[in-house]
């Protein structure tokens, strides 16, 4: 996961909050369009608590799950790493949130 973290957030520092906010906003916009790389980037941000986001493993798992479902191979490994630090109830909540995201996305298309 360290390599992914370096790759995605290269050039941003914790003190660079305006760039971090912009990066998160752009990732959320891209995720709303179904961009698998954006899903993965959000998973990394939430799993590390970087760039203005709190470390939130349920959200990280949700984004890694969405990326993995979209075919992102590294997301599968990251999701498993995050899940190792979560309770069964937290994993279930993350899965529920991922399903909810997909349902909301399908409603936009219809």
N, C-alpha and C. Protein backbone atom coordinates (compact mmCIF):
# COMPACT_ATOMS: atom_id res chain seq x y z
N UNK A 1 0.83 -1.18 0.00
CA UNK A 1 0.00 0.00 0.00
C UNK A 1 0.88 1.25 0.00
N UNK A 2 2.07 1.16 0.52
CA UNK A 2 2.97 2.31 0.58
C UNK A 2 3.27 2.83 -0.83
N UNK A 3 3.52 1.93 -1.77
CA UNK A 3 3.82 2.34 -3.14
C UNK A 3 2.64 3.10 -3.73
N UNK A 4 1.44 2.60 -3.52
CA UNK A 4 0.25 3.27 -4.03
C UNK A 4 0.12 4.65 -3.41
N UNK A 5 0.38 4.75 -2.11
CA UNK A 5 0.28 6.02 -1.41
C UNK A 5 1.25 7.02 -2.02
N UNK A 6 2.48 6.60 -2.30
CA UNK A 6 3.48 7.48 -2.88
C UNK A 6 3.09 7.89 -4.29
N UNK A 7 2.59 6.96 -5.05
CA UNK A 7 2.22 7.22 -6.44
C UNK A 7 1.07 8.21 -6.55
N UNK A 8 0.03 8.01 -5.77
CA UNK A 8 -1.17 8.83 -5.89
C UNK A 8 -0.97 10.22 -5.33
N UNK A 9 -0.25 10.33 -4.22
CA UNK A 9 -0.15 11.61 -3.54
C UNK A 9 1.20 12.28 -3.71
N UNK A 10 1.95 11.88 -4.73
CA UNK A 10 3.24 12.50 -4.98
C UNK A 10 3.06 13.99 -5.18
N UNK A 11 3.89 14.74 -4.51
CA UNK A 11 3.85 16.19 -4.68
C UNK A 11 2.98 16.91 -3.68
N UNK A 12 2.14 16.22 -2.94
CA UNK A 12 1.31 16.87 -1.93
C UNK A 12 1.93 16.65 -0.56
N UNK A 13 1.88 17.68 0.25
CA UNK A 13 2.36 17.55 1.62
C UNK A 13 1.19 17.82 2.55
N UNK A 14 1.24 17.33 3.80
CA UNK A 14 0.13 17.58 4.72
C UNK A 14 -0.19 19.05 4.90
N UNK A 15 0.81 19.92 4.79
CA UNK A 15 0.58 21.35 4.96
C UNK A 15 -0.12 21.97 3.75
N UNK A 16 -0.14 21.25 2.64
CA UNK A 16 -0.72 21.76 1.40
C UNK A 16 -2.21 21.44 1.37
N UNK A 17 -2.98 22.06 2.26
CA UNK A 17 -4.38 21.70 2.40
C UNK A 17 -5.22 22.12 1.21
N UNK A 18 -4.90 23.21 0.56
CA UNK A 18 -5.72 23.61 -0.59
C UNK A 18 -5.57 22.59 -1.72
N UNK A 19 -4.38 22.10 -1.94
CA UNK A 19 -4.18 21.06 -2.96
C UNK A 19 -4.84 19.77 -2.53
N UNK A 20 -4.77 19.48 -1.24
CA UNK A 20 -5.40 18.26 -0.73
C UNK A 20 -6.90 18.33 -0.90
N UNK A 21 -7.50 19.46 -0.54
CA UNK A 21 -8.94 19.63 -0.73
C UNK A 21 -9.32 19.48 -2.19
N UNK A 22 -8.52 20.06 -3.06
CA UNK A 22 -8.77 19.97 -4.50
C UNK A 22 -8.65 18.53 -4.97
N UNK A 23 -7.64 17.81 -4.46
CA UNK A 23 -7.45 16.42 -4.85
C UNK A 23 -8.65 15.58 -4.41
N UNK A 24 -9.09 15.76 -3.18
CA UNK A 24 -10.23 14.99 -2.68
C UNK A 24 -11.48 15.33 -3.46
N UNK A 25 -11.71 16.61 -3.71
CA UNK A 25 -12.89 17.03 -4.48
C UNK A 25 -12.85 16.43 -5.89
N UNK A 26 -11.69 16.45 -6.51
CA UNK A 26 -11.56 15.88 -7.86
C UNK A 26 -11.79 14.38 -7.84
N UNK A 27 -11.24 13.70 -6.83
CA UNK A 27 -11.45 12.25 -6.72
C UNK A 27 -12.92 11.92 -6.52
N UNK A 28 -13.61 12.70 -5.69
CA UNK A 28 -15.04 12.47 -5.48
C UNK A 28 -15.83 12.70 -6.77
N UNK A 29 -15.47 13.73 -7.52
CA UNK A 29 -16.14 13.99 -8.79
C UNK A 29 -15.89 12.86 -9.77
N UNK A 30 -14.64 12.40 -9.83
CA UNK A 30 -14.30 11.30 -10.73
C UNK A 30 -14.99 10.00 -10.28
N UNK A 31 -15.06 9.79 -8.96
CA UNK A 31 -15.74 8.60 -8.43
C UNK A 31 -17.21 8.61 -8.80
N UNK A 32 -17.81 9.79 -8.79
CA UNK A 32 -19.22 9.90 -9.17
C UNK A 32 -19.45 9.49 -10.62
N UNK A 33 -18.39 9.56 -11.42
CA UNK A 33 -18.48 9.13 -12.82
C UNK A 33 -18.03 7.67 -12.99
N UNK A 34 -17.72 7.00 -11.85
CA UNK A 34 -17.35 5.59 -11.92
C UNK A 34 -15.88 5.33 -12.18
N UNK A 35 -15.01 6.31 -11.95
CA UNK A 35 -13.58 6.17 -12.19
C UNK A 35 -12.95 5.26 -11.13
N UNK A 36 -12.47 4.11 -11.55
CA UNK A 36 -11.89 3.11 -10.64
C UNK A 36 -10.65 3.65 -9.95
N UNK A 37 -9.83 4.41 -10.65
CA UNK A 37 -8.62 4.99 -10.04
C UNK A 37 -9.00 5.98 -8.94
N UNK A 38 -10.09 6.70 -9.12
CA UNK A 38 -10.55 7.63 -8.08
C UNK A 38 -11.03 6.86 -6.86
N UNK A 39 -11.72 5.76 -7.08
CA UNK A 39 -12.13 4.91 -5.96
C UNK A 39 -10.90 4.50 -5.15
N UNK A 40 -9.88 4.05 -5.88
CA UNK A 40 -8.66 3.59 -5.21
C UNK A 40 -7.97 4.73 -4.46
N UNK A 41 -7.88 5.89 -5.09
CA UNK A 41 -7.24 7.04 -4.44
C UNK A 41 -7.97 7.43 -3.16
N UNK A 42 -9.29 7.38 -3.18
CA UNK A 42 -10.06 7.68 -1.97
C UNK A 42 -9.83 6.62 -0.90
N UNK A 43 -9.72 5.37 -1.30
CA UNK A 43 -9.41 4.31 -0.34
C UNK A 43 -8.07 4.55 0.34
N UNK A 44 -7.09 4.95 -0.45
CA UNK A 44 -5.76 5.24 0.11
C UNK A 44 -5.85 6.43 1.07
N UNK A 45 -6.55 7.48 0.66
CA UNK A 45 -6.65 8.68 1.51
C UNK A 45 -7.34 8.36 2.84
N UNK A 46 -8.44 7.62 2.79
CA UNK A 46 -9.14 7.29 4.02
C UNK A 46 -8.37 6.29 4.88
N UNK A 47 -7.63 5.38 4.26
CA UNK A 47 -6.90 4.38 5.03
C UNK A 47 -5.67 4.97 5.72
N UNK A 48 -5.15 6.05 5.18
CA UNK A 48 -3.95 6.66 5.76
C UNK A 48 -4.26 7.92 6.56
N UNK A 49 -5.49 8.42 6.43
CA UNK A 49 -5.82 9.66 7.12
C UNK A 49 -5.01 10.82 6.57
N UNK A 50 -4.86 10.85 5.26
CA UNK A 50 -4.02 11.88 4.65
C UNK A 50 -4.86 12.91 3.90
N UNK A 51 -4.22 14.02 3.64
CA UNK A 51 -4.78 15.08 2.80
C UNK A 51 -6.13 15.59 3.26
N UNK A 52 -6.19 15.88 4.54
CA UNK A 52 -7.38 16.50 5.10
C UNK A 52 -8.47 15.54 5.50
N UNK A 53 -8.28 14.26 5.27
CA UNK A 53 -9.28 13.26 5.65
C UNK A 53 -8.85 12.56 6.94
N UNK A 54 -9.82 12.24 7.77
CA UNK A 54 -9.54 11.42 8.94
C UNK A 54 -9.32 9.98 8.51
N UNK A 55 -8.53 9.25 9.27
CA UNK A 55 -8.38 7.82 9.02
C UNK A 55 -9.70 7.16 9.36
N UNK A 56 -10.36 6.64 8.35
CA UNK A 56 -11.70 6.05 8.50
C UNK A 56 -11.70 4.73 7.74
N UNK A 57 -11.49 3.63 8.47
CA UNK A 57 -11.32 2.34 7.81
C UNK A 57 -12.58 1.84 7.12
N UNK A 58 -13.74 2.17 7.64
CA UNK A 58 -14.99 1.75 6.98
C UNK A 58 -15.08 2.40 5.61
N UNK A 59 -14.80 3.70 5.54
CA UNK A 59 -14.82 4.39 4.25
C UNK A 59 -13.72 3.88 3.33
N UNK A 60 -12.54 3.64 3.89
CA UNK A 60 -11.43 3.12 3.08
C UNK A 60 -11.82 1.78 2.45
N UNK A 61 -12.39 0.90 3.26
CA UNK A 61 -12.80 -0.42 2.76
C UNK A 61 -13.84 -0.25 1.66
N UNK A 62 -14.79 0.66 1.87
CA UNK A 62 -15.83 0.90 0.85
C UNK A 62 -15.19 1.27 -0.48
N UNK A 63 -14.26 2.23 -0.47
CA UNK A 63 -13.66 2.68 -1.72
C UNK A 63 -12.77 1.61 -2.33
N UNK A 64 -12.00 0.90 -1.50
CA UNK A 64 -11.20 -0.20 -2.03
C UNK A 64 -12.09 -1.29 -2.62
N UNK A 65 -13.22 -1.55 -1.98
CA UNK A 65 -14.16 -2.56 -2.48
C UNK A 65 -14.70 -2.15 -3.85
N UNK A 66 -15.07 -0.89 -3.99
CA UNK A 66 -15.57 -0.40 -5.29
C UNK A 66 -14.49 -0.49 -6.36
N UNK A 67 -13.26 -0.13 -6.00
CA UNK A 67 -12.15 -0.22 -6.96
C UNK A 67 -11.89 -1.67 -7.35
N UNK A 68 -11.91 -2.56 -6.35
CA UNK A 68 -11.68 -3.98 -6.64
C UNK A 68 -12.77 -4.54 -7.54
N UNK A 69 -14.00 -4.14 -7.28
CA UNK A 69 -15.12 -4.60 -8.13
C UNK A 69 -14.97 -4.09 -9.55
N UNK A 70 -14.27 -2.97 -9.70
CA UNK A 70 -14.03 -2.42 -11.03
C UNK A 70 -12.79 -2.98 -11.70
N UNK A 71 -12.13 -3.94 -11.05
CA UNK A 71 -10.98 -4.61 -11.67
C UNK A 71 -9.62 -4.11 -11.22
N UNK A 72 -9.56 -3.24 -10.24
CA UNK A 72 -8.28 -2.72 -9.75
C UNK A 72 -7.63 -3.77 -8.85
N UNK A 73 -6.55 -4.39 -9.34
CA UNK A 73 -5.93 -5.50 -8.62
C UNK A 73 -5.34 -5.11 -7.28
N UNK A 74 -4.65 -3.98 -7.21
CA UNK A 74 -4.03 -3.56 -5.95
C UNK A 74 -5.08 -3.26 -4.89
N UNK A 75 -6.25 -2.81 -5.33
CA UNK A 75 -7.33 -2.51 -4.39
C UNK A 75 -7.75 -3.75 -3.61
N UNK A 76 -7.69 -4.91 -4.24
CA UNK A 76 -8.03 -6.17 -3.56
C UNK A 76 -7.11 -6.39 -2.37
N UNK A 77 -5.83 -6.15 -2.57
CA UNK A 77 -4.86 -6.34 -1.50
C UNK A 77 -5.04 -5.29 -0.40
N UNK A 78 -5.27 -4.07 -0.80
CA UNK A 78 -5.47 -3.00 0.17
C UNK A 78 -6.73 -3.23 0.99
N UNK A 79 -7.78 -3.66 0.33
CA UNK A 79 -9.04 -3.97 1.03
C UNK A 79 -8.81 -5.04 2.08
N UNK A 80 -8.06 -6.07 1.74
CA UNK A 80 -7.76 -7.14 2.68
C UNK A 80 -6.93 -6.63 3.86
N UNK A 81 -5.96 -5.77 3.59
CA UNK A 81 -5.14 -5.19 4.65
C UNK A 81 -6.00 -4.37 5.62
N UNK A 82 -6.89 -3.57 5.07
CA UNK A 82 -7.76 -2.73 5.90
C UNK A 82 -8.71 -3.62 6.70
N UNK A 83 -9.26 -4.64 6.06
CA UNK A 83 -10.22 -5.52 6.72
C UNK A 83 -9.59 -6.23 7.92
N UNK A 84 -8.29 -6.49 7.85
CA UNK A 84 -7.59 -7.14 8.96
C UNK A 84 -7.63 -6.29 10.23
N UNK A 85 -7.82 -5.00 10.08
CA UNK A 85 -7.85 -4.08 11.22
C UNK A 85 -9.27 -3.71 11.64
N UNK A 86 -10.27 -4.34 11.03
CA UNK A 86 -11.67 -4.00 11.28
C UNK A 86 -12.41 -5.16 11.94
N UNK A 87 -13.50 -4.82 12.60
CA UNK A 87 -14.38 -5.86 13.13
C UNK A 87 -15.29 -6.35 12.01
N UNK A 88 -15.93 -7.47 12.23
CA UNK A 88 -16.88 -8.00 11.25
C UNK A 88 -18.02 -7.01 11.01
N UNK A 89 -18.45 -6.36 12.05
CA UNK A 89 -19.52 -5.36 11.92
C UNK A 89 -19.08 -4.17 11.06
N UNK A 90 -17.84 -3.75 11.23
CA UNK A 90 -17.33 -2.63 10.42
C UNK A 90 -17.22 -3.03 8.95
N UNK A 91 -16.77 -4.25 8.69
CA UNK A 91 -16.69 -4.74 7.30
C UNK A 91 -18.08 -4.78 6.69
N UNK A 92 -19.05 -5.27 7.43
CA UNK A 92 -20.43 -5.32 6.93
C UNK A 92 -20.95 -3.92 6.63
N UNK A 93 -20.63 -2.97 7.48
CA UNK A 93 -21.04 -1.58 7.24
C UNK A 93 -20.38 -1.03 5.98
N UNK A 94 -19.10 -1.32 5.79
CA UNK A 94 -18.40 -0.87 4.59
C UNK A 94 -19.03 -1.46 3.33
N UNK A 95 -19.38 -2.72 3.40
CA UNK A 95 -20.02 -3.37 2.25
C UNK A 95 -21.40 -2.77 1.98
N UNK A 96 -22.13 -2.46 3.04
CA UNK A 96 -23.43 -1.82 2.88
C UNK A 96 -23.28 -0.46 2.21
N UNK A 97 -22.27 0.30 2.63
CA UNK A 97 -22.04 1.62 2.03
C UNK A 97 -21.64 1.51 0.56
N UNK A 98 -20.87 0.49 0.22
CA UNK A 98 -20.48 0.30 -1.18
C UNK A 98 -21.71 -0.04 -2.03
N UNK A 99 -22.57 -0.91 -1.52
CA UNK A 99 -23.81 -1.23 -2.25
C UNK A 99 -24.68 0.01 -2.40
N UNK A 100 -24.76 0.80 -1.35
CA UNK A 100 -25.54 2.04 -1.39
C UNK A 100 -25.00 3.00 -2.44
N UNK A 101 -23.67 3.10 -2.53
CA UNK A 101 -23.03 3.96 -3.53
C UNK A 101 -23.41 3.48 -4.93
N UNK A 102 -23.34 2.18 -5.15
CA UNK A 102 -23.67 1.64 -6.46
C UNK A 102 -25.14 1.86 -6.81
N UNK A 103 -26.02 1.66 -5.85
CA UNK A 103 -27.44 1.90 -6.12
C UNK A 103 -27.69 3.37 -6.46
N UNK A 104 -27.07 4.27 -5.75
CA UNK A 104 -27.25 5.70 -6.03
C UNK A 104 -26.70 6.03 -7.41
N UNK A 105 -25.58 5.40 -7.78
CA UNK A 105 -24.97 5.62 -9.08
C UNK A 105 -25.90 5.12 -10.19
N UNK A 106 -26.52 3.96 -10.00
CA UNK A 106 -27.43 3.42 -11.01
C UNK A 106 -28.67 4.30 -11.15
N UNK A 107 -29.14 4.88 -10.06
CA UNK A 107 -30.32 5.77 -10.13
C UNK A 107 -30.01 7.00 -10.96
N UNK A 108 -28.76 7.49 -10.90
CA UNK A 108 -28.39 8.66 -11.69
C UNK A 108 -28.43 8.34 -13.19
N UNK A 109 -28.04 7.11 -13.54
CA UNK A 109 -27.98 6.71 -14.94
C UNK A 109 -29.37 6.50 -15.50
N UNK A 110 -30.27 5.98 -14.70
CA UNK A 110 -31.61 5.63 -15.17
C UNK A 110 -32.47 6.84 -15.45
